[in-house]
Amino acid sequence: MTSQPASPRATTALPPQSANGTSPQLPPAAPARKSGRTRTRISGMRTSLIAGFAVLIVVMIFIIQNAHAVNISFLGAHLRLSLAVALFLAAIAGALIMAAAGTARITQLRRVMRRDRRTPQAS
């Protein structure tokens, strides 16, 4: 049996191959060490509040920089609003439409799952 010299760049020390050419079994990996920090609901809420506050600052800067008024006509209604407020209202309307579509889809999937649970399955 010939042994191959270990390469100088090898970072792990593995045993050599066995005589029949199969690779040796590696020892089981050690469990990952847990750090002293654990994630709690309060820490998640704190992170969310900080992120929300940062987004609020960006929105405030956007509103201040786009304060000039524009004329808006929509379905016969004529309004004069700040450009930032108009864009902000449009974004909110878009988010509400997407939330309604998502809610409808989730409701549809729940009905299908409930119906499938009640129907006896043929084997």
N, C-alpha and C. Protein backbone atom coordinates (compact mmCIF):
# COMPACT_ATOMS: atom_id res chain seq x y z
N MET A 1 0.84 -1.16 0.00
CA MET A 1 0.00 0.00 0.00
C MET A 1 0.89 1.23 0.00
N THR A 2 0.58 2.15 -0.90
CA THR A 2 1.37 3.37 -0.96
C THR A 2 0.58 4.50 -0.33
N SER A 3 1.25 5.31 0.39
CA SER A 3 0.56 6.45 0.98
C SER A 3 0.98 7.71 0.24
N GLN A 4 0.02 8.58 0.06
CA GLN A 4 0.30 9.82 -0.64
C GLN A 4 0.67 10.88 0.39
N PRO A 5 1.65 11.71 0.07
CA PRO A 5 2.01 12.76 1.02
C PRO A 5 0.89 13.81 1.08
N ALA A 6 0.67 14.34 2.25
CA ALA A 6 -0.37 15.36 2.43
C ALA A 6 0.07 16.63 1.73
N SER A 7 -0.88 17.27 1.08
CA SER A 7 -0.54 18.51 0.39
C SER A 7 -0.29 19.60 1.44
N PRO A 8 0.59 20.55 1.14
CA PRO A 8 0.89 21.57 2.14
C PRO A 8 -0.30 22.50 2.40
N ARG A 9 -1.28 22.55 1.47
CA ARG A 9 -2.42 23.44 1.65
C ARG A 9 -3.61 22.75 2.29
N ALA A 10 -3.46 21.52 2.71
CA ALA A 10 -4.58 20.79 3.30
C ALA A 10 -4.95 21.42 4.64
N THR A 11 -6.23 21.68 4.82
CA THR A 11 -6.66 22.32 6.05
C THR A 11 -7.21 21.31 7.04
N THR A 12 -7.61 20.13 6.58
CA THR A 12 -8.13 19.12 7.48
C THR A 12 -7.24 17.89 7.38
N ALA A 13 -7.13 17.17 8.47
CA ALA A 13 -6.32 15.96 8.49
C ALA A 13 -7.26 14.77 8.42
N LEU A 14 -7.39 14.18 7.22
CA LEU A 14 -8.23 13.00 7.03
C LEU A 14 -7.34 11.77 7.04
N PRO A 15 -7.86 10.67 7.54
CA PRO A 15 -7.07 9.43 7.48
C PRO A 15 -6.91 8.98 6.03
N PRO A 16 -5.87 8.22 5.74
CA PRO A 16 -5.66 7.77 4.35
C PRO A 16 -6.74 6.77 3.95
N GLN A 17 -6.84 6.55 2.62
CA GLN A 17 -7.82 5.59 2.13
C GLN A 17 -7.45 4.19 2.59
N SER A 18 -8.49 3.34 2.68
CA SER A 18 -8.24 1.97 3.12
C SER A 18 -7.63 1.17 1.96
N ALA A 19 -7.24 -0.05 2.26
CA ALA A 19 -6.56 -0.90 1.27
C ALA A 19 -7.46 -1.22 0.09
N ASN A 20 -8.78 -1.32 0.30
CA ASN A 20 -9.65 -1.66 -0.83
C ASN A 20 -10.08 -0.43 -1.63
N GLY A 21 -9.57 0.73 -1.28
CA GLY A 21 -9.82 1.94 -2.06
C GLY A 21 -11.03 2.74 -1.65
N THR A 22 -11.71 2.32 -0.60
CA THR A 22 -12.88 3.08 -0.17
C THR A 22 -12.45 4.18 0.78
N SER A 23 -13.24 5.20 0.82
CA SER A 23 -12.94 6.31 1.72
C SER A 23 -13.30 5.93 3.14
N PRO A 24 -12.56 6.42 4.11
CA PRO A 24 -12.89 6.10 5.50
C PRO A 24 -14.13 6.87 5.94
N GLN A 25 -14.79 6.33 6.93
CA GLN A 25 -15.96 7.00 7.49
C GLN A 25 -15.47 8.18 8.32
N LEU A 26 -16.10 9.34 8.08
CA LEU A 26 -15.73 10.51 8.85
C LEU A 26 -16.47 10.48 10.18
N PRO A 27 -15.86 11.02 11.22
CA PRO A 27 -16.56 11.05 12.51
C PRO A 27 -17.75 12.01 12.41
N PRO A 28 -18.78 11.80 13.23
CA PRO A 28 -19.93 12.69 13.16
C PRO A 28 -19.53 14.11 13.54
N ALA A 29 -20.18 15.06 12.88
CA ALA A 29 -19.86 16.47 13.13
C ALA A 29 -20.28 16.86 14.54
N ALA A 30 -19.49 17.70 15.13
CA ALA A 30 -19.81 18.17 16.48
C ALA A 30 -21.00 19.12 16.39
N PRO A 31 -21.89 19.09 17.38
CA PRO A 31 -23.03 20.01 17.33
C PRO A 31 -22.56 21.45 17.41
N ALA A 32 -23.29 22.31 16.71
CA ALA A 32 -22.92 23.73 16.68
C ALA A 32 -23.08 24.33 18.07
N ARG A 33 -22.13 25.14 18.42
CA ARG A 33 -22.20 25.81 19.72
C ARG A 33 -23.22 26.92 19.66
N LYS A 34 -24.01 27.02 20.69
CA LYS A 34 -24.99 28.10 20.76
C LYS A 34 -24.31 29.30 21.39
N SER A 35 -24.59 30.45 20.80
CA SER A 35 -24.04 31.65 21.40
C SER A 35 -24.89 32.01 22.62
N GLY A 36 -24.42 32.90 23.41
CA GLY A 36 -25.11 33.28 24.63
C GLY A 36 -26.40 34.05 24.34
N ARG A 37 -26.58 34.54 23.13
CA ARG A 37 -27.75 35.34 22.80
C ARG A 37 -28.85 34.46 22.24
N THR A 38 -30.06 34.72 22.68
CA THR A 38 -31.22 34.03 22.11
C THR A 38 -32.16 35.07 21.55
N ARG A 39 -32.87 34.70 20.52
CA ARG A 39 -33.80 35.61 19.87
C ARG A 39 -35.15 35.50 20.57
N THR A 40 -35.65 36.63 21.01
CA THR A 40 -36.94 36.66 21.69
C THR A 40 -37.91 37.52 20.90
N ARG A 41 -39.17 37.48 21.29
CA ARG A 41 -40.18 38.30 20.62
C ARG A 41 -39.90 39.78 20.83
N ILE A 42 -39.44 40.11 22.02
CA ILE A 42 -39.17 41.52 22.30
C ILE A 42 -37.99 42.02 21.47
N SER A 43 -36.97 41.19 21.29
CA SER A 43 -35.84 41.63 20.47
C SER A 43 -36.27 41.79 19.02
N GLY A 44 -37.14 40.90 18.55
CA GLY A 44 -37.67 41.05 17.19
C GLY A 44 -38.52 42.29 17.04
N MET A 45 -39.32 42.59 18.06
CA MET A 45 -40.15 43.78 18.02
C MET A 45 -39.28 45.03 18.03
N ARG A 46 -38.23 45.00 18.82
CA ARG A 46 -37.32 46.15 18.88
C ARG A 46 -36.66 46.38 17.52
N THR A 47 -36.21 45.33 16.88
CA THR A 47 -35.61 45.45 15.57
C THR A 47 -36.61 45.99 14.56
N SER A 48 -37.86 45.50 14.62
CA SER A 48 -38.90 45.98 13.71
C SER A 48 -39.21 47.45 13.95
N LEU A 49 -39.24 47.87 15.19
CA LEU A 49 -39.50 49.28 15.49
C LEU A 49 -38.38 50.18 14.97
N ILE A 50 -37.15 49.74 15.11
CA ILE A 50 -36.02 50.53 14.60
C ILE A 50 -36.10 50.63 13.08
N ALA A 51 -36.39 49.51 12.40
CA ALA A 51 -36.52 49.54 10.95
C ALA A 51 -37.69 50.42 10.53
N GLY A 52 -38.81 50.34 11.24
CA GLY A 52 -39.97 51.18 10.93
C GLY A 52 -39.67 52.65 11.13
N PHE A 53 -38.92 52.97 12.15
CA PHE A 53 -38.54 54.35 12.41
C PHE A 53 -37.65 54.88 11.28
N ALA A 54 -36.73 54.04 10.80
CA ALA A 54 -35.86 54.45 9.68
C ALA A 54 -36.68 54.70 8.42
N VAL A 55 -37.65 53.84 8.16
CA VAL A 55 -38.53 54.02 6.99
C VAL A 55 -39.35 55.30 7.15
N LEU A 56 -39.83 55.57 8.35
CA LEU A 56 -40.59 56.79 8.61
C LEU A 56 -39.76 58.04 8.34
N ILE A 57 -38.49 58.01 8.71
CA ILE A 57 -37.61 59.15 8.44
C ILE A 57 -37.46 59.36 6.93
N VAL A 58 -37.29 58.26 6.18
CA VAL A 58 -37.16 58.36 4.72
C VAL A 58 -38.44 58.93 4.11
N VAL A 59 -39.60 58.50 4.58
CA VAL A 59 -40.88 59.01 4.08
C VAL A 59 -41.02 60.49 4.40
N MET A 60 -40.63 60.89 5.59
CA MET A 60 -40.71 62.31 5.96
C MET A 60 -39.82 63.17 5.06
N ILE A 61 -38.61 62.70 4.78
CA ILE A 61 -37.72 63.42 3.87
C ILE A 61 -38.36 63.52 2.49
N PHE A 62 -38.97 62.44 2.02
CA PHE A 62 -39.64 62.43 0.72
C PHE A 62 -40.76 63.47 0.68
N ILE A 63 -41.57 63.53 1.74
CA ILE A 63 -42.68 64.48 1.78
C ILE A 63 -42.17 65.92 1.81
N ILE A 64 -41.14 66.17 2.58
CA ILE A 64 -40.60 67.53 2.68
C ILE A 64 -40.01 67.98 1.34
N GLN A 65 -39.33 67.08 0.63
CA GLN A 65 -38.69 67.46 -0.62
C GLN A 65 -39.69 67.58 -1.77
N ASN A 66 -40.86 66.98 -1.67
CA ASN A 66 -41.86 67.03 -2.74
C ASN A 66 -43.12 67.73 -2.24
N ALA A 67 -42.96 68.93 -1.72
CA ALA A 67 -44.08 69.63 -1.10
C ALA A 67 -44.90 70.46 -2.08
N HIS A 68 -44.45 70.65 -3.31
CA HIS A 68 -45.22 71.50 -4.23
C HIS A 68 -46.53 70.81 -4.63
N ALA A 69 -47.55 71.61 -4.84
CA ALA A 69 -48.90 71.10 -5.10
C ALA A 69 -49.08 70.74 -6.57
N VAL A 70 -49.91 69.73 -6.80
CA VAL A 70 -50.26 69.30 -8.15
C VAL A 70 -51.77 69.14 -8.25
N ASN A 71 -52.31 69.27 -9.47
CA ASN A 71 -53.73 69.06 -9.71
C ASN A 71 -53.94 67.60 -10.07
N ILE A 72 -54.90 66.96 -9.42
CA ILE A 72 -55.20 65.56 -9.66
C ILE A 72 -56.66 65.44 -10.05
N SER A 73 -56.92 64.75 -11.16
CA SER A 73 -58.29 64.48 -11.61
C SER A 73 -58.45 62.97 -11.68
N PHE A 74 -59.45 62.44 -10.98
CA PHE A 74 -59.68 61.00 -10.97
C PHE A 74 -61.18 60.74 -10.86
N LEU A 75 -61.73 60.11 -11.88
CA LEU A 75 -63.15 59.76 -11.93
C LEU A 75 -64.05 60.96 -11.60
N GLY A 76 -63.75 62.07 -12.21
CA GLY A 76 -64.59 63.25 -12.02
C GLY A 76 -64.24 64.07 -10.80
N ALA A 77 -63.39 63.59 -9.93
CA ALA A 77 -62.98 64.35 -8.75
C ALA A 77 -61.74 65.16 -9.10
N HIS A 78 -61.73 66.40 -8.72
CA HIS A 78 -60.59 67.28 -8.97
C HIS A 78 -60.02 67.72 -7.63
N LEU A 79 -58.76 67.40 -7.40
CA LEU A 79 -58.10 67.72 -6.14
C LEU A 79 -56.81 68.48 -6.39
N ARG A 80 -56.40 69.23 -5.42
CA ARG A 80 -55.08 69.88 -5.45
C ARG A 80 -54.37 69.42 -4.18
N LEU A 81 -53.37 68.57 -4.37
CA LEU A 81 -52.63 67.97 -3.26
C LEU A 81 -51.14 68.16 -3.45
N SER A 82 -50.42 67.98 -2.38
CA SER A 82 -48.96 67.92 -2.45
C SER A 82 -48.59 66.68 -3.26
N LEU A 83 -47.55 66.79 -4.05
CA LEU A 83 -47.10 65.66 -4.87
C LEU A 83 -46.76 64.46 -4.00
N ALA A 84 -46.07 64.68 -2.90
CA ALA A 84 -45.68 63.58 -2.01
C ALA A 84 -46.90 62.90 -1.41
N VAL A 85 -47.89 63.70 -0.99
CA VAL A 85 -49.09 63.11 -0.41
C VAL A 85 -49.84 62.29 -1.46
N ALA A 86 -49.92 62.82 -2.69
CA ALA A 86 -50.60 62.09 -3.77
C ALA A 86 -49.90 60.76 -4.05
N LEU A 87 -48.57 60.77 -4.13
CA LEU A 87 -47.83 59.53 -4.38
C LEU A 87 -47.94 58.57 -3.19
N PHE A 88 -47.94 59.11 -1.99
CA PHE A 88 -48.08 58.29 -0.79
C PHE A 88 -49.45 57.63 -0.76
N LEU A 89 -50.50 58.37 -1.09
CA LEU A 89 -51.85 57.79 -1.15
C LEU A 89 -51.95 56.73 -2.24
N ALA A 90 -51.30 56.96 -3.37
CA ALA A 90 -51.29 55.96 -4.44
C ALA A 90 -50.58 54.68 -3.99
N ALA A 91 -49.49 54.82 -3.25
CA ALA A 91 -48.77 53.65 -2.75
C ALA A 91 -49.61 52.89 -1.74
N ILE A 92 -50.31 53.62 -0.88
CA ILE A 92 -51.19 52.96 0.09
C ILE A 92 -52.32 52.22 -0.61
N ALA A 93 -52.91 52.85 -1.64
CA ALA A 93 -53.98 52.19 -2.39
C ALA A 93 -53.46 50.91 -3.07
N GLY A 94 -52.27 50.97 -3.63
CA GLY A 94 -51.68 49.78 -4.25
C GLY A 94 -51.42 48.68 -3.24
N ALA A 95 -50.93 49.06 -2.06
CA ALA A 95 -50.69 48.07 -1.01
C ALA A 95 -51.99 47.43 -0.54
N LEU A 96 -53.05 48.22 -0.43
CA LEU A 96 -54.35 47.66 -0.03
C LEU A 96 -54.90 46.71 -1.08
N ILE A 97 -54.72 47.05 -2.34
CA ILE A 97 -55.19 46.15 -3.41
C ILE A 97 -54.42 44.83 -3.36
N MET A 98 -53.09 44.90 -3.16
CA MET A 98 -52.29 43.67 -3.06
C MET A 98 -52.66 42.86 -1.83
N ALA A 99 -52.94 43.54 -0.71
CA ALA A 99 -53.35 42.83 0.51
C ALA A 99 -54.69 42.14 0.30
N ALA A 100 -55.61 42.80 -0.41
CA ALA A 100 -56.92 42.18 -0.69
C ALA A 100 -56.75 40.95 -1.57
N ALA A 101 -55.89 41.04 -2.59
CA ALA A 101 -55.66 39.89 -3.47
C ALA A 101 -55.01 38.75 -2.69
N GLY A 102 -54.04 39.05 -1.83
CA GLY A 102 -53.39 38.02 -1.03
C GLY A 102 -54.36 37.37 -0.05
N THR A 103 -55.22 38.19 0.57
CA THR A 103 -56.21 37.65 1.50
C THR A 103 -57.19 36.73 0.78
N ALA A 104 -57.61 37.13 -0.42
CA ALA A 104 -58.53 36.29 -1.19
C ALA A 104 -57.88 34.96 -1.54
N ARG A 105 -56.61 34.97 -1.91
CA ARG A 105 -55.91 33.74 -2.27
C ARG A 105 -55.74 32.83 -1.04
N ILE A 106 -55.38 33.40 0.10
CA ILE A 106 -55.21 32.60 1.31
C ILE A 106 -56.54 31.99 1.72
N THR A 107 -57.62 32.77 1.63
CA THR A 107 -58.94 32.25 1.96
C THR A 107 -59.32 31.10 1.03
N GLN A 108 -59.02 31.25 -0.25
CA GLN A 108 -59.31 30.20 -1.22
C GLN A 108 -58.53 28.93 -0.87
N LEU A 109 -57.26 29.05 -0.54
CA LEU A 109 -56.46 27.87 -0.21
C LEU A 109 -56.95 27.20 1.08
N ARG A 110 -57.37 28.00 2.05
CA ARG A 110 -57.88 27.42 3.29
C ARG A 110 -59.16 26.65 3.04
N ARG A 111 -60.03 27.16 2.19
CA ARG A 111 -61.26 26.44 1.86
C ARG A 111 -60.95 25.11 1.19
N VAL A 112 -59.99 25.11 0.28
CA VAL A 112 -59.62 23.86 -0.41
C VAL A 112 -59.05 22.88 0.59
N MET A 113 -58.18 23.34 1.49
CA MET A 113 -57.60 22.44 2.49
C MET A 113 -58.67 21.89 3.43
N ARG A 114 -59.60 22.73 3.84
CA ARG A 114 -60.68 22.29 4.74
C ARG A 114 -61.55 21.25 4.03
N ARG A 115 -61.85 21.49 2.75
CA ARG A 115 -62.67 20.55 1.99
C ARG A 115 -61.95 19.23 1.81
N ASP A 116 -60.63 19.28 1.56
CA ASP A 116 -59.86 18.04 1.37
C ASP A 116 -59.76 17.24 2.66
N ARG A 117 -59.72 17.90 3.81
CA ARG A 117 -59.68 17.19 5.08
C ARG A 117 -60.98 16.49 5.37
N ARG A 118 -62.10 17.09 4.96
CA ARG A 118 -63.41 16.48 5.23
C ARG A 118 -63.73 15.34 4.29
N THR A 119 -63.21 15.36 3.07
CA THR A 119 -63.52 14.30 2.10
C THR A 119 -62.71 13.07 2.42
N PRO A 120 -63.36 11.90 2.49
CA PRO A 120 -62.59 10.68 2.74
C PRO A 120 -61.72 10.35 1.53
N GLN A 121 -60.52 9.91 1.80
CA GLN A 121 -59.59 9.62 0.72
C GLN A 121 -59.73 8.17 0.30
N ALA A 122 -59.83 7.97 -1.03
CA ALA A 122 -59.93 6.60 -1.56
C ALA A 122 -58.54 5.99 -1.64
N SER A 123 -58.41 4.72 -1.23
CA SER A 123 -57.10 4.09 -1.28
C SER A 123 -56.96 3.20 -2.46
